[in-house]
Amino acid sequence: MKKAPEINRENINRFLCPSCGANMVFNPQNGQLTCSYCGYAQAIQAVGTVEEKSYEEFLRPEAMQLQPMAINAMQVGCASCGAIVNFTPPETAQECDFCGAKIVALPKAADPLIAPEGVLPFRVTTPQANAALKGWISSRWFAPSKLKDFARPDKISSIYIPYWTYDAFSRPDYDGERGEHYYETVYYEENGEQKSRQVRHTNWYSASGAVGRQFDDVSVPATTSLPQNYLNALEPWDFAELKSYEPAFLSGHKAQTYQIALPQGFQRFKEIASGVILSDVCRDIGGDEQRVHNVSTYFSDITFKHLLLPVYAGAYQFSGKTFQIVVNGRTGEVQGDRPYSWLKIAAFVFVLIVLIVILASVLR
């Protein structure tokens, strides 16, 4: 079998096509590096597996391992919303994907960061993302007609957003009370008639103990550039399809630098875990009701991953307000907000009133 020619990657911003010498980009359609000019395609060799890293060991100053997302990667910051985006030339960043503002800052060499451990490659192509966006816009009743102008290929762009995932074993010690219901019959007189009813009471008993739970791949967005409800709606992500991080997956796409640091993300993980732990404690207390006075949780065997997840993002201004749109780069699901056309709403109300008047006159 003839061996495929190697891609020239002496500079990470140059995945040069062995056939014609043009820049190759990651193509979501075939999942390969592909030349847009001659069509040559070559598989990306993502070496290794996506492994967990020890949280406590990584936070030691001597163990902190920082590096750019790619050799010679560039970054640019948005002066409006503060987002920092990485890209590899010839990719550029002229407008902020998150707030729509013009980017006037000059690109610079990307700052070192905690290197991504894994990536979910794009599976939805740009035309598919735009088709999904057009369908979403057409289903928005009472949206201004100008909103349709947003459904153009140049209005949304592909960008990987950062996530942390955490694994940990929790052992919460708790104390509280278990409530057990009992009923008494109460007799009373009503309109001269003797009646009875059941009255519920509760006996409370002290309860204490410990419960254990293993948390696995609890995902925490490391971006503040997108609303939390959008990010929640994009889940669940198909982490089973994660690939070991390889800079070639970024070729032709951008990647946002994490805005929430690793320790801050872990605090968010603990907030998420606390709700699950409280349910575990109540279940362990048992009875008909529970009162939880104190929960002291110890986390051990904490590990994490830094992941890049794919979206198409864009933003537009309307009447002085910013509206954001995001498309899941794996499923094509669209999340976003939109303005309302009060003229369309008024016209609809007018037509509705006219129809009611006509219907009323017919029924007389």
Protein backbone atom coordinates (compact mmCIF):
# COMPACT_ATOMS: atom_id res chain seq x y z
CA MET A 1 0.00 0.00 0.00
CA LYS A 2 1.33 3.40 -0.92
CA LYS A 3 2.03 5.55 2.12
CA ALA A 4 0.13 8.85 2.20
CA PRO A 5 2.40 11.90 1.96
CA GLU A 6 3.01 13.64 5.25
CA ILE A 7 1.47 17.02 5.88
CA ASN A 8 3.97 19.83 6.18
CA ARG A 9 3.41 21.16 9.68
CA GLU A 10 6.73 22.76 10.51
CA ASN A 11 4.58 25.72 11.47
CA ILE A 12 1.23 24.91 13.05
CA ASN A 13 -0.44 27.70 11.10
CA ARG A 14 0.57 25.93 7.93
CA PHE A 15 -1.07 22.54 7.43
CA LEU A 16 0.08 22.58 3.83
CA CYS A 17 -1.56 20.35 1.27
CA PRO A 18 0.95 17.78 -0.09
CA SER A 19 -0.83 17.97 -3.43
CA CYS A 20 -1.03 21.70 -4.19
CA GLY A 21 0.60 23.48 -1.25
CA ALA A 22 -2.52 25.37 -0.10
CA ASN A 23 -3.64 25.55 3.51
CA MET A 24 -5.71 22.62 4.73
CA VAL A 25 -8.55 23.01 7.23
CA PHE A 26 -10.53 20.59 9.37
CA ASN A 27 -13.66 19.60 7.46
CA PRO A 28 -16.62 18.52 9.67
CA GLN A 29 -18.17 16.64 6.75
CA ASN A 30 -15.42 14.06 6.38
CA GLY A 31 -13.68 14.58 9.73
CA GLN A 32 -10.33 15.12 8.02
CA LEU A 33 -7.89 17.87 7.12
CA THR A 34 -9.05 18.91 3.68
CA CYS A 35 -7.74 21.22 1.01
CA SER A 36 -10.39 23.67 -0.16
CA TYR A 37 -8.67 24.04 -3.54
CA CYS A 38 -7.83 20.57 -4.81
CA GLY A 39 -9.96 18.48 -2.42
CA TYR A 40 -7.07 16.44 -1.03
CA ALA A 41 -7.98 14.98 2.37
CA GLN A 42 -5.95 13.29 5.07
CA ALA A 43 -6.95 11.81 8.42
CA ILE A 44 -5.88 13.52 11.62
CA GLN A 45 -3.72 11.29 13.75
CA ALA A 46 -4.93 12.08 17.27
CA VAL A 47 -2.39 10.22 19.38
CA GLY A 48 -3.30 8.76 22.76
CA THR A 49 -6.45 8.83 24.81
CA VAL A 50 -8.23 11.58 26.71
CA GLU A 51 -6.90 11.14 30.22
CA GLU A 52 -7.88 12.65 33.54
CA LYS A 53 -5.36 14.86 35.33
CA SER A 54 -4.92 15.05 39.10
CA TYR A 55 -6.48 18.28 40.33
CA GLU A 56 -4.38 18.65 43.47
CA GLU A 57 -1.11 17.76 41.79
CA PHE A 58 -1.77 20.12 38.91
CA LEU A 59 -2.34 23.08 41.26
CA ARG A 60 1.12 22.74 42.77
CA PRO A 61 3.21 25.69 41.49
CA GLU A 62 6.05 23.46 40.35
CA ALA A 63 3.64 21.19 38.47
CA MET A 64 1.66 23.84 36.56
CA GLN A 65 2.02 22.96 32.90
CA LEU A 66 1.07 25.82 30.61
CA GLN A 67 1.42 26.02 26.86
CA PRO A 68 -0.30 27.66 23.87
CA MET A 69 -3.15 25.78 22.18
CA ALA A 70 -0.91 25.44 19.15
CA ILE A 71 2.59 26.45 18.12
CA ASN A 72 2.47 30.01 16.78
CA ALA A 73 -1.24 30.30 17.63
CA MET A 74 -2.46 33.89 17.78
CA GLN A 75 -5.01 35.47 20.07
CA VAL A 76 -7.10 38.61 20.04
CA GLY A 77 -9.28 40.14 22.72
CA CYS A 78 -12.65 41.87 22.40
CA ALA A 79 -12.63 45.30 24.04
CA SER A 80 -16.43 45.17 24.37
CA CYS A 81 -17.08 41.87 26.21
CA GLY A 82 -13.58 40.74 27.16
CA ALA A 83 -13.62 37.40 25.31
CA ILE A 84 -10.21 36.15 24.15
CA VAL A 85 -10.14 34.03 21.02
CA ASN A 86 -7.31 31.87 19.70
CA PHE A 87 -6.84 31.12 16.03
CA THR A 88 -4.17 29.89 13.66
CA PRO A 89 -3.53 31.98 10.53
CA PRO A 90 -4.71 32.33 7.84
CA GLU A 91 -7.88 32.27 10.02
CA THR A 92 -8.69 35.77 11.30
CA ALA A 93 -10.94 37.36 13.91
CA GLN A 94 -12.54 40.60 12.76
CA GLU A 95 -15.79 40.54 14.73
CA CYS A 96 -16.46 39.14 18.19
CA ASP A 97 -18.42 35.91 17.93
CA PHE A 98 -20.08 36.58 21.28
CA CYS A 99 -21.16 40.24 21.19
CA GLY A 100 -20.84 41.22 17.52
CA ALA A 101 -18.47 44.14 18.21
CA LYS A 102 -15.72 44.98 15.76
CA ILE A 103 -12.33 43.74 16.95
CA VAL A 104 -9.81 46.53 16.60
CA ALA A 105 -7.00 45.06 18.72
CA LEU A 106 -4.02 43.64 16.89
CA PRO A 107 -3.48 39.89 17.23
CA LYS A 108 -0.58 38.73 19.37
CA ALA A 109 1.06 35.43 20.19
CA ALA A 110 -1.32 33.31 22.26
CA ASP A 111 -0.70 33.24 26.01
CA PRO A 112 0.20 29.91 27.63
CA LEU A 113 -2.70 28.11 29.31
CA ILE A 114 -3.67 24.73 30.64
CA ALA A 115 -3.50 22.73 27.44
CA PRO A 116 -6.70 21.05 26.26
CA GLU A 117 -6.80 17.35 26.97
CA GLY A 118 -9.59 16.54 24.55
CA VAL A 119 -11.72 17.97 21.77
CA LEU A 120 -15.11 17.19 20.29
CA PRO A 121 -14.56 17.89 16.58
CA PHE A 122 -17.17 19.74 14.56
CA ARG A 123 -19.66 17.42 12.88
CA VAL A 124 -22.06 20.09 11.58
CA THR A 125 -20.82 21.99 8.52
CA THR A 126 -21.19 25.74 8.03
CA PRO A 127 -24.00 25.31 5.43
CA GLN A 128 -25.84 22.96 7.80
CA ALA A 129 -25.47 25.42 10.67
CA ASN A 130 -26.83 28.23 8.52
CA ALA A 131 -29.75 26.07 7.40
CA ALA A 132 -30.57 25.35 11.04
CA LEU A 133 -30.31 29.06 11.83
CA LYS A 134 -32.65 29.96 8.95
CA GLY A 135 -35.18 27.41 10.18
CA TRP A 136 -34.95 28.82 13.70
CA ILE A 137 -35.44 32.38 12.48
CA SER A 138 -38.41 31.47 10.25
CA SER A 139 -40.15 29.90 13.26
CA ARG A 140 -39.81 33.07 15.36
CA TRP A 141 -43.21 34.71 15.11
CA PHE A 142 -43.31 38.48 15.50
CA ALA A 143 -39.57 38.80 14.93
CA PRO A 144 -38.50 41.87 12.90
CA SER A 145 -38.05 41.21 9.20
CA LYS A 146 -34.44 42.42 9.44
CA LEU A 147 -33.66 39.37 11.55
CA LYS A 148 -33.59 37.34 8.35
CA ASP A 149 -30.49 39.29 7.32
CA PHE A 150 -28.68 37.55 10.15
CA ALA A 151 -29.08 34.14 8.50
CA ARG A 152 -26.04 34.57 6.25
CA PRO A 153 -22.86 32.48 6.22
CA ASP A 154 -20.77 35.45 7.38
CA LYS A 155 -22.88 36.06 10.49
CA ILE A 156 -21.95 32.98 12.50
CA SER A 157 -18.56 31.33 12.73
CA SER A 158 -17.18 28.12 14.10
CA ILE A 159 -15.52 28.35 17.48
CA TYR A 160 -14.55 25.86 20.17
CA ILE A 161 -15.66 26.89 23.65
CA PRO A 162 -13.77 25.74 26.76
CA TYR A 163 -15.15 23.36 29.36
CA TRP A 164 -13.82 21.72 32.49
CA THR A 165 -15.00 18.29 33.57
CA TYR A 166 -14.43 16.99 37.08
CA ASP A 167 -14.39 13.55 38.65
CA ALA A 168 -14.38 13.16 42.43
CA PHE A 169 -15.44 10.84 45.21
CA SER A 170 -17.54 12.56 47.88
CA ARG A 171 -18.12 11.43 51.45
CA PRO A 172 -20.60 13.74 53.17
CA ASP A 173 -21.15 13.41 56.93
CA TYR A 174 -24.52 14.75 57.99
CA ASP A 175 -26.83 15.24 60.92
CA GLY A 176 -30.51 16.01 60.81
CA GLU A 177 -33.91 14.62 61.69
CA ARG A 178 -36.22 11.99 60.29
CA GLY A 179 -39.92 12.82 60.36
CA GLU A 180 -42.49 10.02 60.60
CA HIS A 181 -46.16 10.82 60.15
CA TYR A 182 -49.01 9.52 62.30
CA TYR A 183 -52.68 10.41 62.32
CA GLU A 184 -55.26 11.14 65.03
CA THR A 185 -59.00 11.20 64.67
CA VAL A 186 -60.55 14.49 65.73
CA TYR A 187 -64.29 14.72 66.38
CA TYR A 188 -66.27 17.92 65.92
CA GLU A 189 -69.84 19.10 65.46
CA GLU A 190 -71.10 20.84 62.37
CA ASN A 191 -74.73 22.02 61.93
CA GLY A 192 -75.75 19.83 64.84
CA GLU A 193 -74.14 16.75 63.28
CA GLN A 194 -71.19 14.85 64.77
CA LYS A 195 -68.29 14.53 62.30
CA SER A 196 -64.67 13.46 62.36
CA ARG A 197 -61.50 14.06 60.42
CA GLN A 198 -57.93 12.77 60.35
CA VAL A 199 -55.24 15.17 61.54
CA ARG A 200 -51.65 14.46 60.61
CA HIS A 201 -48.83 14.83 63.11
CA THR A 202 -45.13 14.18 62.80
CA ASN A 203 -42.70 12.60 65.21
CA TRP A 204 -39.10 13.72 64.72
CA TYR A 205 -36.07 11.56 65.46
CA SER A 206 -32.39 12.49 65.33
CA ALA A 207 -30.49 11.09 62.37
CA SER A 208 -26.85 11.17 61.36
CA GLY A 209 -24.56 9.25 59.09
CA ALA A 210 -22.44 9.38 55.95
CA VAL A 211 -23.10 8.68 52.29
CA GLY A 212 -20.66 8.22 49.46
CA ARG A 213 -20.96 9.02 45.76
CA GLN A 214 -18.62 8.95 42.78
CA PHE A 215 -19.06 11.93 40.44
CA ASP A 216 -17.96 11.34 36.87
CA ASP A 217 -17.46 13.89 34.07
CA VAL A 218 -19.46 16.72 35.65
CA SER A 219 -19.12 19.42 32.99
CA VAL A 220 -18.60 23.07 33.87
CA PRO A 221 -18.48 25.72 31.12
CA ALA A 222 -15.28 27.74 31.36
CA THR A 223 -16.81 30.62 29.40
CA THR A 224 -18.88 33.57 30.55
CA SER A 225 -19.47 34.82 27.01
CA LEU A 226 -22.65 32.79 26.50
CA PRO A 227 -25.72 32.76 28.80
CA GLN A 228 -25.89 29.82 31.18
CA ASN A 229 -29.34 28.80 29.91
CA TYR A 230 -27.97 28.49 26.36
CA LEU A 231 -25.10 26.33 27.59
CA ASN A 232 -27.46 24.14 29.61
CA ALA A 233 -29.67 23.67 26.55
CA LEU A 234 -26.69 22.52 24.46
CA GLU A 235 -26.23 19.53 26.73
CA PRO A 236 -25.80 16.62 26.81
CA TRP A 237 -22.54 16.52 24.90
CA ASP A 238 -21.50 13.20 23.41
CA PHE A 239 -18.30 12.84 25.43
CA ALA A 240 -17.98 9.26 24.20
CA GLU A 241 -16.77 10.76 20.90
CA LEU A 242 -14.00 12.85 22.46
CA LYS A 243 -10.68 12.87 20.61
CA SER A 244 -7.28 13.40 22.13
CA TYR A 245 -6.41 17.05 21.53
CA GLU A 246 -4.56 17.70 18.32
CA PRO A 247 -4.08 21.29 16.98
CA ALA A 248 -5.13 20.14 13.51
CA PHE A 249 -8.76 20.09 14.71
CA LEU A 250 -8.49 23.88 15.11
CA SER A 251 -7.28 24.50 11.59
CA GLY A 252 -9.87 26.75 9.96
CA HIS A 253 -11.71 27.31 13.26
CA LYS A 254 -11.24 29.46 16.36
CA ALA A 255 -11.07 28.54 20.02
CA GLN A 256 -11.95 30.64 23.04
CA THR A 257 -9.55 30.91 25.97
CA TYR A 258 -11.14 29.84 29.24
CA GLN A 259 -12.49 32.73 31.33
CA ILE A 260 -13.18 30.60 34.41
CA ALA A 261 -9.97 29.24 35.89
CA LEU A 262 -9.57 25.66 37.05
CA PRO A 263 -10.15 26.37 40.80
CA GLN A 264 -13.18 28.56 40.04
CA GLY A 265 -14.58 25.76 37.92
CA PHE A 266 -14.14 23.34 40.80
CA GLN A 267 -16.17 25.65 43.04
CA ARG A 268 -18.95 25.50 40.45
CA PHE A 269 -18.62 21.70 40.42
CA LYS A 270 -19.14 21.65 44.20
CA GLU A 271 -22.30 23.76 43.80
CA ILE A 272 -23.64 21.25 41.28
CA ALA A 273 -22.62 18.32 43.47
CA SER A 274 -24.25 19.81 46.58
CA GLY A 275 -27.74 19.37 45.13
CA VAL A 276 -27.07 15.71 44.35
CA ILE A 277 -25.51 15.16 47.77
CA LEU A 278 -28.50 16.71 49.53
CA SER A 279 -30.80 14.27 47.72
CA ASP A 280 -28.55 11.39 48.78
CA VAL A 281 -28.64 12.56 52.40
CA CYS A 282 -32.43 12.87 52.45
CA ARG A 283 -32.75 9.42 50.96
CA ASP A 284 -30.39 8.04 53.59
CA ILE A 285 -32.30 9.70 56.45
CA GLY A 286 -35.51 8.13 55.22
CA GLY A 287 -38.91 8.59 56.85
CA ASP A 288 -41.73 10.73 55.51
CA GLU A 289 -39.93 14.05 55.89
CA GLN A 290 -36.36 15.11 56.47
CA ARG A 291 -34.64 18.01 58.16
CA VAL A 292 -30.98 18.42 57.26
CA HIS A 293 -29.08 20.53 59.79
CA ASN A 294 -25.53 20.11 58.61
CA VAL A 295 -23.63 18.46 55.76
CA SER A 296 -19.85 18.31 55.78
CA THR A 297 -18.48 16.99 52.51
CA TYR A 298 -14.96 15.76 51.84
CA PHE A 299 -13.89 15.31 48.21
CA SER A 300 -11.07 12.95 47.28
CA ASP A 301 -9.48 11.52 44.13
CA ILE A 302 -10.26 14.75 42.26
CA THR A 303 -9.37 14.75 38.57
CA PHE A 304 -10.18 17.08 35.69
CA LYS A 305 -10.05 17.53 31.95
CA HIS A 306 -9.84 20.69 29.85
CA LEU A 307 -12.04 20.18 26.79
CA LEU A 308 -12.92 22.16 23.68
CA LEU A 309 -16.51 21.79 22.47
CA PRO A 310 -17.78 22.99 19.07
CA VAL A 311 -20.37 25.69 18.43
CA TYR A 312 -21.25 28.19 15.75
CA ALA A 313 -21.73 31.54 17.43
CA GLY A 314 -22.76 35.02 16.41
CA ALA A 315 -24.30 38.18 17.75
CA TYR A 316 -26.14 41.17 16.35
CA GLN A 317 -27.28 44.56 17.54
CA PHE A 318 -30.92 45.63 17.37
CA SER A 319 -32.30 48.82 18.90
CA GLY A 320 -29.20 49.19 21.01
CA LYS A 321 -29.40 45.68 22.47
CA THR A 322 -27.16 42.68 21.78
CA PHE A 323 -28.75 39.37 20.81
CA GLN A 324 -26.71 36.16 20.74
CA ILE A 325 -27.18 33.01 18.69
CA VAL A 326 -25.39 29.72 19.20
CA VAL A 327 -25.61 26.47 17.20
CA ASN A 328 -24.42 23.15 18.60
CA GLY A 329 -21.57 22.06 16.34
CA ARG A 330 -22.42 18.40 16.88
CA THR A 331 -26.24 18.35 16.57
CA GLY A 332 -27.24 21.60 14.84
CA GLU A 333 -29.52 22.61 17.73
CA VAL A 334 -30.05 26.39 17.86
CA GLN A 335 -30.31 28.48 21.00
CA GLY A 336 -30.71 32.21 21.09
CA ASP A 337 -32.80 35.25 21.76
CA ARG A 338 -34.53 37.61 19.41
CA PRO A 339 -36.22 41.00 19.42
CA TYR A 340 -39.95 41.47 18.86
CA SER A 341 -41.58 43.58 16.18
CA TRP A 342 -44.30 45.55 17.94
CA LEU A 343 -45.61 46.56 14.53
CA LYS A 344 -46.21 42.89 13.66
CA ILE A 345 -47.79 42.27 17.04
CA ALA A 346 -50.08 45.28 16.65
CA ALA A 347 -51.06 44.15 13.14
CA PHE A 348 -51.83 40.65 14.44
CA VAL A 349 -53.98 42.03 17.25
CA PHE A 350 -55.83 44.27 14.77
CA VAL A 351 -56.53 41.34 12.43
CA LEU A 352 -57.66 39.22 15.37
CA ILE A 353 -60.09 41.92 16.52
CA VAL A 354 -61.47 42.24 12.99
CA LEU A 355 -62.02 38.47 12.79
CA ILE A 356 -63.80 38.45 16.15
CA VAL A 357 -66.09 41.29 15.04
CA ILE A 358 -66.89 39.50 11.77
CA LEU A 359 -67.54 36.22 13.58
CA ALA A 360 -69.78 37.95 16.11
CA SER A 361 -71.82 39.58 13.36
CA VAL A 362 -72.27 36.25 11.57
CA LEU A 363 -73.50 34.53 14.73
CA ARG A 364 -76.16 37.16 15.48
